[in-house]
Structures are given as C-alpha cells and as structure tokens.
Amino acid sequence: MGRMYRLLSLLTVACANAATPLHAGRTLAADERPNIVILLADDMGFSDLSCYGGEIETPNLDQLANNGLRFTQAYNTSKCFPSRASLLTGAYAQAVGMDRRPAKIVNGVTLGEVLRAAGYRTLMAGKHHGTENPYERGFDRYYGLRDGACNYFNPGERREGEPQPAQKRANRAWCIDGETLKPYTPDDPDFYTTDAFTDAALGFLDDYAEEEKPFLLYVAYNAPHDPLQAPASDIAKYAGKYDAGWDVVREARYRRQIASGLFESETTPLSKADFGDWEGLSEEERRVEIRRMQVYAAMVDRLDQNVGRIVAKLEELGELDNTVVLFASDNGGSSEVVRIGTGEIGSMTRWTSLQKRWANVTNTPLRRYKNFSHEGGICTPLIVHWPAGLAERGGFERTPVHFVDVMATAIELAGARYPDGAVRLNGVSLVPLLAGEGLDRPEPIFWHWGRGKAVRDGRWKLVALRDQWELYDLDADRTETRDLAAAEPERVEQMVAKWTRWAESIGD
C-alpha cells in the first residue's frame, strides 16, 4: 500500500506548467516529475538475461527486475532501425519514414524534442541507426554511432601498431554532439563501444548534476549485435559453459523459465528446435560453435556490467528512486550470417555473427528470429524499474505492450505536450500498468517488416511469412505451435481486413 500511495500522491499534484493531464486526469508537478532512463540492447534474445531464464551472468539487470516489473509480452518491430524509430517517436516506423531503410525521421517528433520542450535535459549515447544526428532532433548532447553496426574495438581506420579492424564498411558515421565523423577512429587502445557509450552517458550526468530539471537519458547500445567481439577477460568467464551444445542449453533455459513463473508449460510449450545434432559436428565445428556463443555471452555480460555503472551513478546522484528505468532489446536474437576477416572469433580482426542455431537458443522458448514477425523476432525482455512509483515490485506484467507506447508514457510522466501537426501517436501510456491498474488499448498492435507481418488483437495473433497467414491463440499457445487458421476462417478474414486497413492508412 505504501508504494501505491506514493505513486497516487505523485500523480495528484497539479502540474506547474498546465501540462497535458495524466491517466485519470492526474498531473505531476515539475519538481516531482521522474527522470527517464531508457537502456536498449541490440539483437539480444528473449532468454539471455538470467532473470529471463539465461545462464549468462546479469546481476545488475536481475536486480532491476527483482525490484521492478518484468514484462512477458513486450514487443518491438523485429528489426533494429524501425524499432528505434518507433521507440523515439511513438509511431509505427511506416508513419515516420523509417520502415524500409535507415533514413531521416519525417512527420514525427522525437522523445528528445518533446521532453526538452517540457523542461527536461535530454541526453543520448549509443547507436541511432538513421541518417540524421540526434543532436539535431532534440537531444542536448549526443555521442555515438549514427550508423547500424561497427567494429567494437575500433570503428574506424587501423591505428599504428595494431592489425586492420574487420569492417563491413570503413566509413561508419559517428557523432559527437553537432559534429559527424566518417570514419571515427578513437585514440584509446582499450576502446570498446559498450564501455564508451556508458562513459559518455556518465559524463553527461556529471555535467548536469547541479541542475534542478529532470533528465531523459537514452543509452542505445549496439551489443550484442554482430560482430561478435568482447574483451578477453569476459570471454574467459564462459569457458566450458557451452560445451554441451544447443539442445542442453536451451532445455536448461526453458526449465528455469517455467520454475521462475515466467511461463507455464501448459500454455507455453517449447517451440520446435531449429538446430541439428550437436554430436554430429566434428570436433573443430563444435569448438567454433562453442566459441561463438561464449563470445556472445561475454558481450551480454559486459552490457550488464555497464548497466550497473549507470545504476551506481544514479544512486550516487541521489536520483535512482525517482528515475524510471526501462531496459529492452530492439529485436530478437539474430539468425543472420556474416563472415568477414580472419583470426579468432571475438578479436578485432574477425567479424562473425551468432547465426541461426544459437539464435534459436537465445530466443527460448519462442519461435523464429530477428526479421520475422513471429514471437522470436518481435518479443523483447522489458524491465521497468521505478522505486518511487511502481505499485508492485518483483512480479511479472503480462499485458501486451509495444515500443510505440514509450512516447505516450513519457509524455504522461513528464507532463509534456505532443505538438499539433505531428503524426498521430500509435501507442498508449503505460502509466496505468505502473500503478497496478489495467490498460485500455483501443486498437490492435500491428507489424510489417520485410517478409513478415502480423496483427495482435487481444489474445489472438495473426502472423504471416510472405502471404501465408497463421492464427494463434497466445493465451493458450504462447509459442505459436498450433495454427488455428483452418479452424477459424472468419476470424482470419476479419483480422486480415484489420491489418490491410492499417497498412493502407499508414502508407505501408
């Protein structure tokens, strides 16, 4: 009752600048408005975190989950740049020109623009994956990769005394506030992007530590997106962890998910495995596969270490209690195959990817991967932590939500205004869920990326790869194992019509 009382007390204070009303007509006073910290992983599977069933050591994110909420049905778009655009704008990527390729955000406004107008200090570090500098889209400070991927140890040109860094492309765009560098070659021989993004974020917090205004901090990591590269000390922690192979690791993750209450085995059977016989591999093939997952685990571990650094800074500044921290991944584990360079997996000279078989493990128990509209592509672990505001802590939130909901939530928490003339918001505020209440979503949730498309309407999900529609009752079959399309032709027809109207209305 104490936590609920505090939240309701905060939400009943009249807003000093007559901001847009919150849920149930409540508003926040300027001096009570929470800071908002968004932490985003890249291509991380649903089950990688320990608190979602994984064997990877993630104590800092586990702590946020244990004192916050773990969402079981939170959704992205299944692809990096559309997800990031939806999170930043509160609109589907199709509505803001970010559904086909990295581009400029059109028609919409960003979290930085909306919250800065409401009196927030707006800060961003990490990967943007667009063609414009976030510094020009409402962020007071920005340091990071404007592009989609880079070498973790050196995103630019070869440094004296070092080998040539493996690159897909050598001129990746990097921004430092208003300056754009192509390429960006850091001087620090110990440079590693996950650490560098956190260093910048902590520096920003220190720079504005004496300000009275609340802040938005968006740290958009590129880990564990390929290339698989990690510090040797982190890789060594996972020696022997994956020697038993895909099936054993996946089964262990699933058992932990069931034991924790994350899922029920009756409604969430383990989806069909999508990998071959581990014992049928040669010794060298097994060694390569073990190393692949070992490095990937090290990248997630390093990400968690950096989340711990940010939480420690918030505690040091006395801001953690009234900071809303959201952690998510921009899509599911990736089955993409990339092979560039030579040397050991994990090193600066080698660019390799996780590939399908281990991606099947990272997305346990869900079906398929990044780039698909099935659950393994679009479902993200989402942790929300807010000691001063959550009605309940340590539990699971099973309501379906989407990245488009982040803008509406931030507007309500910040007492901000969404500008006239901008594209219509597609999301709804999650503040009622944080208050322990239900969520009223007037429209279904929609997806379209590449060959995948889907619509989620209550318990029902219609999903297609190309044009073959499948129907699932996700309340009874969370992992999409029993296609009901043939048994429910009228429902399929109705949901196809809804998806088609959405696609036409949004210019898809």
Protein backbone atom coordinates (compact mmCIF):
# COMPACT_ATOMS: atom_id res chain seq x y z
CA MET A 1 0.00 0.00 0.00
CA GLY A 2 2.86 2.40 0.71
CA ARG A 3 4.22 2.23 -2.83
CA MET A 4 0.75 2.64 -4.34
CA TYR A 5 0.06 5.61 -2.05
CA ARG A 6 3.26 7.32 -3.11
CA LEU A 7 2.50 6.85 -6.79
CA LEU A 8 -1.02 8.21 -6.40
CA SER A 9 0.31 11.12 -4.34
CA LEU A 10 2.77 11.99 -7.09
CA LEU A 11 0.10 11.71 -9.74
CA THR A 12 -2.37 14.03 -7.97
CA VAL A 13 -0.14 17.08 -7.73
CA ALA A 14 -1.14 19.90 -10.08
CA CYS A 15 1.35 20.47 -12.88
CA ALA A 16 3.18 23.78 -12.63
CA ASN A 17 3.02 24.45 -16.37
CA ALA A 18 -0.51 23.23 -17.09
CA ALA A 19 0.76 20.19 -18.93
CA THR A 20 -1.32 17.53 -20.63
CA PRO A 21 -3.33 15.62 -17.99
CA LEU A 22 -2.14 12.19 -16.93
CA HIS A 23 -4.05 8.97 -16.52
CA ALA A 24 -7.44 9.59 -14.88
CA GLY A 25 -6.90 13.35 -15.04
CA ARG A 26 -3.85 13.40 -12.78
CA THR A 27 -0.75 15.52 -13.40
CA LEU A 28 2.74 15.79 -11.95
CA ALA A 29 4.35 18.89 -10.51
CA ALA A 30 7.57 19.93 -12.25
CA ASP A 31 9.71 19.17 -9.18
CA GLU A 32 8.18 15.70 -8.79
CA ARG A 33 8.47 14.54 -12.37
CA PRO A 34 10.69 11.48 -12.70
CA ASN A 35 13.87 11.22 -14.68
CA ILE A 36 13.54 8.76 -17.56
CA VAL A 37 16.39 6.40 -18.47
CA ILE A 38 16.00 4.11 -21.49
CA LEU A 39 18.60 1.37 -21.94
CA LEU A 40 18.42 -0.54 -25.21
CA ALA A 41 20.23 -3.70 -26.24
CA ASP A 42 20.72 -4.73 -29.87
CA ASP A 43 19.77 -8.16 -31.29
CA MET A 44 19.57 -9.69 -27.81
CA GLY A 45 17.42 -12.79 -27.42
CA PHE A 46 14.41 -13.04 -25.13
CA SER A 47 16.02 -15.51 -22.72
CA ASP A 48 19.60 -14.20 -22.47
CA LEU A 49 19.25 -12.38 -19.15
CA SER A 50 19.40 -14.52 -16.04
CA CYS A 51 16.07 -13.07 -14.88
CA TYR A 52 14.52 -14.33 -18.15
CA GLY A 53 15.99 -17.82 -17.84
CA GLY A 54 19.52 -17.42 -19.18
CA GLU A 55 22.79 -18.75 -17.79
CA ILE A 56 24.65 -15.50 -18.64
CA GLU A 57 25.65 -13.51 -15.56
CA THR A 58 23.47 -10.38 -15.47
CA PRO A 59 23.26 -9.41 -11.79
CA ASN A 60 22.60 -5.72 -12.41
CA LEU A 61 19.65 -6.25 -14.71
CA ASP A 62 18.42 -9.03 -12.42
CA GLN A 63 18.43 -6.53 -9.55
CA LEU A 64 16.39 -4.05 -11.59
CA ALA A 65 13.93 -6.85 -12.44
CA ASN A 66 13.68 -8.08 -8.84
CA ASN A 67 12.81 -4.56 -7.72
CA GLY A 68 10.75 -3.68 -10.77
CA LEU A 69 8.47 -5.28 -13.33
CA ARG A 70 9.33 -7.93 -15.92
CA PHE A 71 7.10 -7.81 -18.97
CA THR A 72 6.40 -11.11 -20.73
CA GLN A 73 4.66 -9.74 -23.83
CA ALA A 74 6.55 -6.58 -24.79
CA TYR A 75 7.07 -6.03 -28.49
CA ASN A 76 9.45 -4.37 -30.94
CA THR A 77 9.34 -4.37 -34.77
CA SER A 78 11.78 -7.30 -35.36
CA LYS A 79 14.41 -5.02 -36.95
CA CYS A 80 16.86 -2.52 -35.48
CA PHE A 81 16.10 0.80 -37.15
CA PRO A 82 12.28 0.54 -37.28
CA SER A 83 12.27 -0.43 -33.60
CA ARG A 84 14.45 2.53 -32.65
CA ALA A 85 12.29 4.86 -34.71
CA SER A 86 9.10 3.60 -33.05
CA LEU A 87 10.64 3.97 -29.60
CA LEU A 88 11.80 7.52 -30.34
CA THR A 89 8.58 8.76 -31.95
CA GLY A 90 5.67 6.78 -30.53
CA ALA A 91 4.57 6.00 -34.09
CA TYR A 92 4.92 2.97 -36.30
CA ALA A 93 8.04 3.19 -38.44
CA GLN A 94 5.90 3.37 -41.59
CA ALA A 95 4.42 6.67 -40.41
CA VAL A 96 7.79 8.36 -39.93
CA GLY A 97 9.67 7.11 -42.99
CA MET A 98 11.81 4.52 -41.20
CA ASP A 99 10.21 1.26 -42.34
CA ARG A 100 12.33 0.35 -45.36
CA ARG A 101 15.84 1.66 -44.71
CA PRO A 102 17.67 3.90 -42.24
CA ALA A 103 16.60 7.46 -43.05
CA LYS A 104 15.54 10.76 -41.55
CA ILE A 105 12.53 10.77 -39.28
CA VAL A 106 9.76 12.59 -41.13
CA ASN A 107 6.36 13.82 -39.92
CA GLY A 108 7.07 12.69 -36.35
CA VAL A 109 8.88 14.20 -33.37
CA THR A 110 11.36 12.52 -31.05
CA LEU A 111 11.38 11.95 -27.31
CA GLY A 112 14.21 14.45 -27.16
CA GLU A 113 12.16 17.15 -28.85
CA VAL A 114 9.03 16.58 -26.79
CA LEU A 115 10.73 16.25 -23.39
CA ARG A 116 13.14 19.16 -23.96
CA ALA A 117 10.13 21.37 -24.66
CA ALA A 118 8.73 20.19 -21.30
CA GLY A 119 11.85 21.33 -19.44
CA TYR A 120 13.88 18.11 -19.42
CA ARG A 121 17.61 17.86 -20.05
CA THR A 122 17.85 15.43 -22.97
CA LEU A 123 20.90 13.16 -23.32
CA MET A 124 21.73 10.31 -25.68
CA ALA A 125 24.65 7.94 -26.16
CA GLY A 126 24.98 4.92 -28.42
CA LYS A 127 23.56 3.64 -31.68
CA HIS A 128 20.93 5.63 -33.55
CA HIS A 129 20.73 3.78 -36.91
CA GLY A 130 19.42 6.65 -39.00
CA THR A 131 20.78 9.29 -41.36
CA GLU A 132 20.45 12.34 -39.13
CA ASN A 133 22.26 13.36 -35.97
CA PRO A 134 20.09 13.03 -32.83
CA TYR A 135 21.74 16.27 -31.65
CA GLU A 136 19.60 17.96 -34.30
CA ARG A 137 16.45 16.14 -33.17
CA GLY A 138 16.02 17.36 -29.63
CA PHE A 139 18.97 15.90 -27.74
CA ASP A 140 21.13 18.42 -25.88
CA ARG A 141 24.06 16.01 -26.02
CA TYR A 142 24.83 13.02 -28.21
CA TYR A 143 27.80 10.70 -28.53
CA GLY A 144 27.66 7.56 -30.56
CA LEU A 145 27.26 5.51 -33.69
CA ARG A 146 24.79 7.11 -36.07
CA ASP A 147 25.08 4.00 -38.22
CA GLY A 148 23.84 0.41 -37.80
CA ALA A 149 26.93 -1.62 -36.83
CA CYS A 150 30.67 -1.23 -36.35
CA ASN A 151 33.80 -2.88 -35.02
CA TYR A 152 33.59 -2.78 -31.21
CA PHE A 153 37.32 -2.25 -30.66
CA ASN A 154 37.89 0.27 -33.43
CA PRO A 155 35.03 1.56 -35.61
CA GLY A 156 37.43 3.47 -37.86
CA GLU A 157 40.80 3.17 -39.53
CA ARG A 158 43.72 0.99 -38.47
CA ARG A 159 45.75 2.51 -35.62
CA GLU A 160 49.52 2.40 -35.61
CA GLY A 161 50.86 -0.82 -34.16
CA GLU A 162 47.50 -2.65 -34.44
CA PRO A 163 46.01 -5.01 -37.03
CA GLN A 164 43.37 -3.92 -39.52
CA PRO A 165 39.94 -3.97 -37.81
CA ALA A 166 37.36 -6.16 -39.54
CA GLN A 167 34.75 -3.95 -41.18
CA LYS A 168 31.66 -4.34 -43.31
CA ARG A 169 32.24 -0.73 -44.31
CA ALA A 170 35.04 1.56 -43.19
CA ASN A 171 33.24 4.90 -43.12
CA ARG A 172 30.65 4.37 -40.41
CA ALA A 173 29.16 7.68 -39.25
CA TRP A 174 29.88 8.69 -35.65
CA CYS A 175 28.56 11.82 -33.95
CA ILE A 176 29.92 13.87 -31.06
CA ASP A 177 27.28 16.50 -30.34
CA GLY A 178 26.98 18.52 -33.56
CA GLU A 179 29.99 17.00 -35.31
CA THR A 180 29.71 13.98 -37.61
CA LEU A 181 32.85 11.94 -38.27
CA LYS A 182 33.23 9.43 -41.13
CA PRO A 183 35.14 7.42 -40.06
CA TYR A 184 35.68 7.73 -36.32
CA THR A 185 38.98 6.30 -35.09
CA PRO A 186 39.29 6.52 -31.28
CA ASP A 187 42.73 7.18 -29.81
CA ASP A 188 42.21 4.91 -26.81
CA PRO A 189 43.74 1.46 -27.49
CA ASP A 190 41.33 -0.01 -24.90
CA PHE A 191 38.27 1.42 -26.66
CA TYR A 192 35.18 -0.82 -26.63
CA THR A 193 31.84 0.58 -27.75
CA THR A 194 29.74 -0.73 -24.83
CA ASP A 195 32.11 0.94 -22.37
CA ALA A 196 32.48 4.10 -24.46
CA PHE A 197 28.74 4.70 -24.67
CA THR A 198 28.47 4.35 -20.91
CA ASP A 199 31.46 6.64 -20.35
CA ALA A 200 29.71 9.32 -22.39
CA ALA A 201 26.40 8.85 -20.58
CA LEU A 202 28.05 9.11 -17.15
CA GLY A 203 29.92 12.21 -18.28
CA PHE A 204 26.67 13.82 -19.34
CA LEU A 205 25.08 13.08 -15.97
CA ASP A 206 28.06 14.62 -14.21
CA ASP A 207 27.95 17.69 -16.46
CA TYR A 208 24.39 18.46 -15.42
CA ALA A 209 24.44 17.10 -11.88
CA GLU A 210 23.73 20.50 -10.32
CA GLU A 211 20.67 21.22 -12.43
CA GLU A 212 17.24 21.12 -10.87
CA LYS A 213 15.49 19.97 -14.03
CA PRO A 214 14.72 16.28 -14.61
CA PHE A 215 16.51 14.43 -17.40
CA LEU A 216 15.94 11.96 -20.19
CA LEU A 217 18.91 9.65 -20.74
CA TYR A 218 18.76 7.27 -23.69
CA VAL A 219 21.66 4.81 -23.90
CA ALA A 220 21.27 2.76 -27.07
CA TYR A 221 23.88 0.01 -27.02
CA ASN A 222 24.98 -1.94 -30.10
CA ALA A 223 25.64 -5.11 -28.07
CA PRO A 224 25.28 -7.99 -28.70
CA HIS A 225 24.74 -7.25 -32.43
CA ASP A 226 27.47 -8.66 -34.64
CA PRO A 227 30.43 -8.58 -34.94
CA LEU A 228 30.90 -10.98 -32.04
CA GLN A 229 33.69 -9.16 -30.20
CA ALA A 230 34.39 -8.91 -26.48
CA PRO A 231 37.24 -8.30 -24.03
CA ALA A 232 39.27 -11.44 -23.37
CA SER A 233 38.59 -11.36 -19.62
CA ASP A 234 34.84 -11.52 -20.20
CA ILE A 235 35.14 -14.30 -22.76
CA ALA A 236 37.21 -16.37 -20.31
CA LYS A 237 34.35 -16.31 -17.78
CA TYR A 238 32.30 -18.56 -20.06
CA ALA A 239 34.90 -21.24 -20.72
CA GLY A 240 33.15 -24.61 -20.64
CA LYS A 241 29.67 -23.08 -20.31
CA TYR A 242 28.51 -24.13 -23.77
CA ASP A 243 30.37 -27.37 -24.31
CA ALA A 244 27.19 -29.45 -24.03
CA GLY A 245 25.66 -27.80 -27.11
CA TRP A 246 22.49 -26.11 -28.26
CA ASP A 247 19.87 -28.54 -27.03
CA VAL A 248 21.16 -28.84 -23.47
CA VAL A 249 21.48 -25.07 -23.02
CA ARG A 250 18.04 -24.42 -24.48
CA GLU A 251 16.34 -27.04 -22.33
CA ALA A 252 18.01 -25.62 -19.20
CA ARG A 253 16.81 -22.12 -20.05
CA TYR A 254 13.28 -23.37 -20.57
CA ARG A 255 13.24 -25.22 -17.24
CA ARG A 256 14.37 -22.07 -15.43
CA GLN A 257 11.65 -20.03 -17.15
CA ILE A 258 8.97 -22.46 -16.03
CA ALA A 259 10.38 -22.72 -12.49
CA SER A 260 10.50 -18.93 -12.09
CA GLY A 261 6.87 -18.45 -13.12
CA LEU A 262 7.79 -16.53 -16.24
CA PHE A 263 5.76 -19.07 -18.25
CA GLU A 264 3.51 -22.05 -17.63
CA SER A 265 4.38 -25.22 -19.50
CA GLU A 266 0.71 -25.87 -20.37
CA THR A 267 0.33 -22.60 -22.28
CA THR A 268 3.96 -22.16 -23.35
CA PRO A 269 5.36 -25.35 -24.78
CA LEU A 270 8.93 -25.18 -26.01
CA SER A 271 8.80 -24.39 -29.72
CA LYS A 272 10.34 -26.80 -32.19
CA ALA A 273 14.14 -26.78 -32.14
CA ASP A 274 15.80 -25.30 -35.19
CA PHE A 275 19.27 -26.80 -34.97
CA GLY A 276 20.88 -30.10 -35.88
CA ASP A 277 22.61 -32.85 -33.94
CA TRP A 278 25.41 -31.44 -31.78
CA GLU A 279 27.18 -34.77 -31.63
CA GLY A 280 27.14 -34.96 -35.40
CA LEU A 281 29.52 -31.99 -35.64
CA SER A 282 33.23 -32.51 -35.98
CA GLU A 283 35.44 -31.55 -33.06
CA GLU A 284 36.54 -28.39 -34.87
CA GLU A 285 32.94 -27.45 -35.72
CA ARG A 286 31.95 -27.83 -32.07
CA ARG A 287 34.93 -25.71 -30.99
CA VAL A 288 33.83 -22.89 -33.33
CA GLU A 289 30.22 -23.06 -32.16
CA ILE A 290 31.24 -23.06 -28.50
CA ARG A 291 33.45 -20.05 -29.08
CA ARG A 292 30.67 -18.25 -30.94
CA MET A 293 28.26 -18.47 -28.01
CA GLN A 294 31.00 -17.87 -25.45
CA VAL A 295 31.83 -14.51 -27.04
CA TYR A 296 28.15 -13.61 -27.37
CA ALA A 297 27.61 -14.33 -23.66
CA ALA A 298 30.61 -12.16 -22.83
CA MET A 299 29.04 -9.28 -24.77
CA VAL A 300 25.78 -9.56 -22.82
CA ASP A 301 27.78 -9.82 -19.58
CA ARG A 302 29.70 -6.65 -20.45
CA LEU A 303 26.43 -4.91 -21.26
CA ASP A 304 25.12 -5.81 -17.82
CA GLN A 305 28.30 -4.51 -16.18
CA ASN A 306 27.70 -1.17 -17.86
CA VAL A 307 24.08 -1.08 -16.77
CA GLY A 308 25.48 -1.48 -13.26
CA ARG A 309 27.69 1.56 -13.79
CA ILE A 310 24.69 3.67 -14.78
CA VAL A 311 22.62 2.49 -11.81
CA ALA A 312 25.54 3.25 -9.48
CA LYS A 313 25.77 6.78 -10.90
CA LEU A 314 22.04 7.33 -10.38
CA GLU A 315 22.45 6.19 -6.77
CA GLU A 316 25.47 8.46 -6.30
CA LEU A 317 23.47 11.42 -7.56
CA GLY A 318 20.51 10.54 -5.33
CA GLU A 319 18.29 10.11 -8.37
CA LEU A 320 17.59 6.37 -8.55
CA ASP A 321 14.37 6.32 -6.52
CA ASN A 322 12.58 8.77 -8.81
CA THR A 323 14.06 7.57 -12.08
CA VAL A 324 12.01 5.40 -14.40
CA VAL A 325 14.48 2.93 -15.93
CA LEU A 326 13.37 0.91 -18.95
CA PHE A 327 15.54 -1.85 -20.41
CA ALA A 328 14.68 -3.68 -23.65
CA SER A 329 16.12 -5.14 -26.85
CA ASP A 330 15.37 -3.76 -30.31
CA ASN A 331 14.55 -7.21 -31.73
CA GLY A 332 15.05 -10.88 -31.06
CA GLY A 333 18.20 -12.94 -31.44
CA SER A 334 19.53 -12.83 -34.99
CA SER A 335 19.94 -15.73 -37.42
CA GLU A 336 21.86 -13.56 -39.89
CA VAL A 337 25.15 -14.94 -41.24
CA VAL A 338 28.16 -12.65 -41.62
CA ARG A 339 31.74 -13.77 -42.21
CA ILE A 340 34.45 -11.11 -42.59
CA GLY A 341 38.14 -11.12 -41.67
CA THR A 342 40.39 -13.68 -40.05
CA GLY A 343 41.61 -14.56 -36.58
CA GLU A 344 39.78 -15.90 -33.53
CA ILE A 345 36.10 -15.15 -33.01
CA GLY A 346 35.96 -12.29 -30.54
CA SER A 347 39.01 -10.42 -31.83
CA MET A 348 39.30 -7.09 -33.61
CA THR A 349 40.19 -8.74 -36.91
CA ARG A 350 37.18 -11.04 -37.14
CA TRP A 351 33.57 -10.09 -37.91
CA THR A 352 31.22 -13.01 -37.43
CA SER A 353 27.61 -13.43 -36.33
CA LEU A 354 25.68 -15.65 -33.93
CA GLN A 355 23.73 -17.44 -36.68
CA LYS A 356 20.53 -19.44 -36.52
CA ARG A 357 21.30 -22.36 -34.22
CA TRP A 358 22.45 -20.34 -31.22
CA ALA A 359 19.84 -17.67 -32.01
CA ASN A 360 17.25 -20.40 -31.52
CA VAL A 361 18.67 -20.81 -28.02
CA THR A 362 18.73 -17.09 -27.21
CA ASN A 363 15.04 -16.76 -28.12
CA THR A 364 13.93 -19.67 -25.87
CA PRO A 365 11.09 -20.69 -25.85
CA LEU A 366 9.86 -18.56 -28.75
CA ARG A 367 9.67 -19.29 -32.45
CA ARG A 368 11.97 -17.83 -35.12
CA TYR A 369 14.28 -14.79 -35.04
CA LYS A 370 15.03 -11.19 -35.89
CA ASN A 371 13.40 -10.14 -39.18
CA PHE A 372 10.38 -12.43 -38.56
CA SER A 373 7.02 -11.30 -37.15
CA HIS A 374 6.76 -14.50 -35.09
CA GLU A 375 7.38 -14.13 -31.37
CA GLY A 376 11.11 -14.86 -31.53
CA GLY A 377 11.59 -11.84 -33.75
CA ILE A 378 9.32 -9.30 -32.08
CA CYS A 379 9.20 -10.13 -28.37
CA THR A 380 11.67 -8.31 -26.12
CA PRO A 381 12.55 -8.70 -22.46
CA LEU A 382 11.32 -5.44 -20.93
CA ILE A 383 12.26 -4.40 -17.42
CA VAL A 384 10.76 -1.30 -15.78
CA HIS A 385 12.27 -0.05 -12.51
CA TRP A 386 10.94 2.92 -10.54
CA PRO A 387 11.17 2.64 -6.74
CA ALA A 388 9.15 5.81 -6.10
CA GLY A 389 6.36 4.95 -8.48
CA LEU A 390 5.65 1.28 -9.06
CA ALA A 391 2.61 -0.10 -7.30
CA GLU A 392 4.17 -3.56 -7.08
CA ARG A 393 7.74 -4.74 -7.47
CA GLY A 394 9.33 -8.05 -8.33
CA GLY A 395 6.50 -9.53 -10.36
CA PHE A 396 5.59 -10.19 -13.98
CA GLU A 397 3.46 -7.93 -16.16
CA ARG A 398 1.68 -9.99 -18.83
CA THR A 399 -0.16 -7.24 -20.70
CA PRO A 400 0.90 -6.89 -24.36
CA VAL A 401 2.77 -3.61 -24.94
CA HIS A 402 4.86 -2.18 -27.79
CA PHE A 403 7.71 0.28 -28.34
CA VAL A 404 5.18 2.79 -29.69
CA ASP A 405 3.90 3.06 -26.11
CA VAL A 406 7.11 4.63 -24.80
CA MET A 407 6.39 8.14 -26.13
CA ALA A 408 2.87 8.26 -24.67
CA THR A 409 4.21 7.01 -21.35
CA ALA A 410 6.99 9.62 -21.29
CA ILE A 411 4.54 12.39 -22.15
CA GLU A 412 2.32 11.45 -19.24
CA LEU A 413 5.17 11.08 -16.76
CA ALA A 414 6.84 14.31 -17.86
CA GLY A 415 3.68 16.39 -18.10
CA ALA A 416 4.67 17.14 -21.68
CA ARG A 417 2.67 18.18 -24.72
CA TYR A 418 2.61 16.31 -28.01
CA PRO A 419 2.77 19.01 -30.71
CA ASP A 420 -0.09 19.73 -33.07
CA GLY A 421 0.59 18.72 -36.64
CA ALA A 422 2.86 15.78 -35.85
CA VAL A 423 1.94 12.29 -36.97
CA ARG A 424 -0.70 10.57 -34.82
CA LEU A 425 0.67 8.68 -31.84
CA ASN A 426 0.09 4.95 -32.23
CA GLY A 427 0.88 3.97 -28.65
CA VAL A 428 -0.83 4.29 -25.30
CA SER A 429 0.58 5.32 -21.94
CA LEU A 430 1.76 2.50 -19.69
CA VAL A 431 1.29 4.59 -16.54
CA PRO A 432 -1.86 2.62 -15.57
CA LEU A 433 0.18 -0.60 -15.58
CA LEU A 434 2.82 1.01 -13.38
CA ALA A 435 0.02 1.99 -11.00
CA GLY A 436 -1.18 -1.61 -10.84
CA GLU A 437 -4.24 -0.99 -12.99
CA GLY A 438 -5.39 -2.37 -16.34
CA LEU A 439 -4.53 -0.98 -19.76
CA ASP A 440 -7.11 0.22 -22.27
CA ARG A 441 -5.72 -0.24 -25.79
CA PRO A 442 -8.34 0.84 -28.32
CA GLU A 443 -6.61 -0.65 -31.36
CA PRO A 444 -4.74 -3.87 -32.15
CA ILE A 445 -0.94 -3.90 -32.44
CA PHE A 446 0.44 -4.20 -35.98
CA TRP A 447 3.69 -5.28 -37.62
CA HIS A 448 5.24 -5.26 -41.07
CA TRP A 449 8.91 -5.69 -41.76
CA GLY A 450 10.37 -7.37 -44.82
CA ARG A 451 8.57 -10.64 -45.49
CA GLY A 452 6.87 -10.71 -42.08
CA LYS A 453 3.59 -9.14 -40.99
CA ALA A 454 1.25 -9.60 -38.05
CA VAL A 455 -1.62 -8.20 -36.02
CA ARG A 456 -2.23 -8.80 -32.29
CA ASP A 457 -5.82 -8.27 -31.16
CA GLY A 458 -6.35 -9.32 -27.55
CA ARG A 459 -5.38 -12.96 -27.18
CA TRP A 460 -5.37 -13.55 -30.94
CA LYS A 461 -2.38 -13.13 -33.22
CA LEU A 462 -2.43 -13.41 -37.00
CA VAL A 463 1.07 -13.69 -38.46
CA ALA A 464 2.50 -14.35 -41.90
CA LEU A 465 5.78 -15.03 -43.58
CA ARG A 466 5.21 -13.62 -47.06
CA ASP A 467 1.44 -14.16 -47.58
CA GLN A 468 0.71 -17.39 -45.71
CA TRP A 469 -1.37 -16.30 -42.72
CA GLU A 470 -1.29 -18.31 -39.48
CA LEU A 471 -3.58 -17.79 -36.49
CA TYR A 472 -2.65 -18.39 -32.84
CA ASP A 473 -4.42 -18.06 -29.51
CA LEU A 474 -1.50 -16.71 -27.50
CA ASP A 475 -3.26 -17.15 -24.17
CA ALA A 476 -3.26 -20.89 -24.78
CA ASP A 477 -0.27 -21.18 -27.13
CA ARG A 478 2.34 -18.51 -26.42
CA THR A 479 4.96 -20.12 -28.65
CA GLU A 480 2.86 -20.41 -31.84
CA THR A 481 2.84 -24.19 -32.09
CA ARG A 482 -0.83 -24.76 -33.10
CA ASP A 483 -2.01 -22.89 -36.19
CA LEU A 484 -5.78 -22.34 -35.94
CA ALA A 485 -6.25 -20.59 -39.29
CA ALA A 486 -8.07 -23.51 -40.91
CA ALA A 487 -10.40 -23.87 -37.92
CA GLU A 488 -11.19 -20.13 -37.65
CA PRO A 489 -11.62 -18.81 -41.22
CA GLU A 490 -13.97 -15.97 -40.24
CA ARG A 491 -11.57 -14.70 -37.58
CA VAL A 492 -8.71 -14.86 -40.07
CA GLU A 493 -10.75 -12.88 -42.59
CA GLN A 494 -11.63 -10.22 -40.01
CA MET A 495 -8.04 -9.85 -38.81
CA VAL A 496 -6.63 -9.73 -42.33
CA ALA A 497 -9.08 -6.91 -43.03
CA LYS A 498 -7.86 -5.03 -39.94
CA TRP A 499 -4.23 -5.44 -40.97
CA THR A 500 -4.99 -4.32 -44.53
CA ARG A 501 -6.83 -1.20 -43.34
CA TRP A 502 -3.91 -0.36 -41.05
CA ALA A 503 -1.37 -0.84 -43.82
CA GLU A 504 -3.35 1.34 -46.21
CA SER A 505 -3.94 4.05 -43.61
CA ILE A 506 -0.28 4.29 -42.70
CA GLY A 507 1.04 4.26 -46.23
CA ASP A 508 2.70 0.87 -45.95
